[in-house]
Amino acid sequence: MRENVVWIAPGATQFSCLCECCLDGRGAQGASFLDAVRLATVRGTIKPGSEVAFARCSNGHELTVYRVVRPPNLARQDARPLQIA
């Protein structure tokens, strides 16, 4: 079974991702891509000071969520997280 790893931005406190184990299984079962994505979607939160968190998809697969460490030379001038309008 594939390891589910998700990388999030340094300032993120929420995440939304896809369970790769579910996507692999749905493809093998012949499900449509749209149905597979709906069933594989995982959402969660991570505390601001945490570097790692764990989540489970609706089928019970574990996902490991890591916070990306931003190199010092790429420090952001604006502390707000990126937002898509």
C-alpha atoms as a PDB file:
ATOM      1  CA  MET A   1       0.000   0.000   0.000  1.00  0.00           C
ATOM      2  CA  ARG A   2       1.173   3.497  -0.864  1.00  0.00           C
ATOM      3  CA  GLU A   3       2.156   5.944   1.874  1.00  0.00           C
ATOM      4  CA  ASN A   4      -0.102   9.007   1.967  1.00  0.00           C
ATOM      5  CA  VAL A   5       2.011  12.131   2.558  1.00  0.00           C
ATOM      6  CA  VAL A   6       0.776  15.713   2.241  1.00  0.00           C
ATOM      7  CA  TRP A   7       2.955  18.849   2.400  1.00  0.00           C
ATOM      8  CA  ILE A   8       1.374  22.132   3.451  1.00  0.00           C
ATOM      9  CA  ALA A   9       2.560  25.750   3.577  1.00  0.00           C
ATOM     10  CA  PRO A  10       4.344  27.015   6.716  1.00  0.00           C
ATOM     11  CA  GLY A  11       1.429  29.197   7.831  1.00  0.00           C
ATOM     12  CA  ALA A  12      -1.439  26.885   6.870  1.00  0.00           C
ATOM     13  CA  THR A  13      -3.889  25.809   9.553  1.00  0.00           C
ATOM     14  CA  GLN A  14      -6.281  23.938   7.236  1.00  0.00           C
ATOM     15  CA  PHE A  15      -5.743  21.520   4.377  1.00  0.00           C
ATOM     16  CA  SER A  16      -7.691  19.728   1.694  1.00  0.00           C
ATOM     17  CA  CYS A  17      -6.105  16.876  -0.233  1.00  0.00           C
ATOM     18  CA  LEU A  18      -6.759  13.538  -1.910  1.00  0.00           C
ATOM     19  CA  CYS A  19      -6.095  10.101  -0.450  1.00  0.00           C
ATOM     20  CA  GLU A  20      -3.835   8.410  -2.988  1.00  0.00           C
ATOM     21  CA  CYS A  21      -4.722   4.945  -1.684  1.00  0.00           C
ATOM     22  CA  CYS A  22      -8.400   5.616  -2.425  1.00  0.00           C
ATOM     23  CA  LEU A  23      -7.578   6.991  -5.879  1.00  0.00           C
ATOM     24  CA  ASP A  24      -5.507   3.902  -6.695  1.00  0.00           C
ATOM     25  CA  GLY A  25      -8.312   1.602  -5.555  1.00  0.00           C
ATOM     26  CA  ARG A  26     -11.057   3.436  -7.406  1.00  0.00           C
ATOM     27  CA  GLY A  27      -9.092   3.378 -10.638  1.00  0.00           C
ATOM     28  CA  ALA A  28      -8.693  -0.361 -10.344  1.00  0.00           C
ATOM     29  CA  GLN A  29     -12.439  -0.732  -9.757  1.00  0.00           C
ATOM     30  CA  GLY A  30     -13.245   1.285 -12.876  1.00  0.00           C
ATOM     31  CA  ALA A  31     -14.941   4.208 -11.087  1.00  0.00           C
ATOM     32  CA  SER A  32     -15.134   7.536 -12.895  1.00  0.00           C
ATOM     33  CA  PHE A  33     -12.442  10.059 -12.022  1.00  0.00           C
ATOM     34  CA  LEU A  34     -15.013  12.488 -10.604  1.00  0.00           C
ATOM     35  CA  ASP A  35     -16.472   9.830  -8.283  1.00  0.00           C
ATOM     36  CA  ALA A  36     -12.980   8.777  -7.216  1.00  0.00           C
ATOM     37  CA  VAL A  37     -12.014  12.372  -6.353  1.00  0.00           C
ATOM     38  CA  ARG A  38     -15.213  12.912  -4.357  1.00  0.00           C
ATOM     39  CA  LEU A  39     -14.609   9.796  -2.271  1.00  0.00           C
ATOM     40  CA  ALA A  40     -10.866  10.433  -1.839  1.00  0.00           C
ATOM     41  CA  THR A  41     -11.141  14.038  -0.608  1.00  0.00           C
ATOM     42  CA  VAL A  42      -9.793  14.626   2.909  1.00  0.00           C
ATOM     43  CA  ARG A  43     -10.038  17.906   4.825  1.00  0.00           C
ATOM     44  CA  GLY A  44      -8.547  18.780   8.171  1.00  0.00           C
ATOM     45  CA  THR A  45      -6.783  21.258  10.394  1.00  0.00           C
ATOM     46  CA  ILE A  46      -3.310  21.531  11.877  1.00  0.00           C
ATOM     47  CA  LYS A  47      -2.310  23.610  14.889  1.00  0.00           C
ATOM     48  CA  PRO A  48      -0.103  26.618  14.033  1.00  0.00           C
ATOM     49  CA  GLY A  49       2.941  25.325  15.959  1.00  0.00           C
ATOM     50  CA  SER A  50       2.720  21.701  14.763  1.00  0.00           C
ATOM     51  CA  GLU A  51       5.159  20.360  12.198  1.00  0.00           C
ATOM     52  CA  VAL A  52       3.235  17.129  11.570  1.00  0.00           C
ATOM     53  CA  ALA A  53      -0.372  15.962  11.852  1.00  0.00           C
ATOM     54  CA  PHE A  54      -2.314  12.849  10.959  1.00  0.00           C
ATOM     55  CA  ALA A  55      -5.696  12.456   9.275  1.00  0.00           C
ATOM     56  CA  ARG A  56      -7.812   9.569   8.008  1.00  0.00           C
ATOM     57  CA  CYS A  57      -9.921   9.394   4.877  1.00  0.00           C
ATOM     58  CA  SER A  58     -13.469   8.019   4.911  1.00  0.00           C
ATOM     59  CA  ASN A  59     -12.060   4.552   4.108  1.00  0.00           C
ATOM     60  CA  GLY A  60      -9.666   4.637   7.079  1.00  0.00           C
ATOM     61  CA  HIS A  61      -6.378   5.228   5.224  1.00  0.00           C
ATOM     62  CA  GLU A  62      -3.941   7.310   7.268  1.00  0.00           C
ATOM     63  CA  LEU A  63      -2.468  10.498   5.811  1.00  0.00           C
ATOM     64  CA  THR A  64       0.603  12.186   7.267  1.00  0.00           C
ATOM     65  CA  VAL A  65       0.570  15.979   6.941  1.00  0.00           C
ATOM     66  CA  TYR A  66       3.930  17.773   7.123  1.00  0.00           C
ATOM     67  CA  ARG A  67       4.512  21.482   7.305  1.00  0.00           C
ATOM     68  CA  VAL A  68       7.025  22.698   4.708  1.00  0.00           C
ATOM     69  CA  VAL A  69       9.934  24.618   6.188  1.00  0.00           C
ATOM     70  CA  ARG A  70      10.594  27.779   4.200  1.00  0.00           C
ATOM     71  CA  PRO A  71      14.304  28.455   3.598  1.00  0.00           C
ATOM     72  CA  PRO A  72      15.436  31.719   5.271  1.00  0.00           C
ATOM     73  CA  ASN A  73      16.312  33.328   1.935  1.00  0.00           C
ATOM     74  CA  LEU A  74      12.688  32.858   0.808  1.00  0.00           C
ATOM     75  CA  ALA A  75      11.113  34.494   3.856  1.00  0.00           C
ATOM     76  CA  ARG A  76       7.813  36.129   2.983  1.00  0.00           C
ATOM     77  CA  GLN A  77       7.392  39.842   3.561  1.00  0.00           C
ATOM     78  CA  ASP A  78       3.677  39.317   4.244  1.00  0.00           C
ATOM     79  CA  ALA A  79       2.877  36.895   7.101  1.00  0.00           C
ATOM     80  CA  ARG A  80      -0.667  36.193   5.820  1.00  0.00           C
ATOM     81  CA  PRO A  81      -1.137  32.815   4.104  1.00  0.00           C
ATOM     82  CA  LEU A  82      -1.666  32.804   0.348  1.00  0.00           C
ATOM     83  CA  GLN A  83      -5.297  33.095  -0.646  1.00  0.00           C
ATOM     84  CA  ILE A  84      -6.911  32.575  -4.008  1.00  0.00           C
ATOM     85  CA  ALA A  85      -9.734  35.007  -4.606  1.00  0.00           C
END
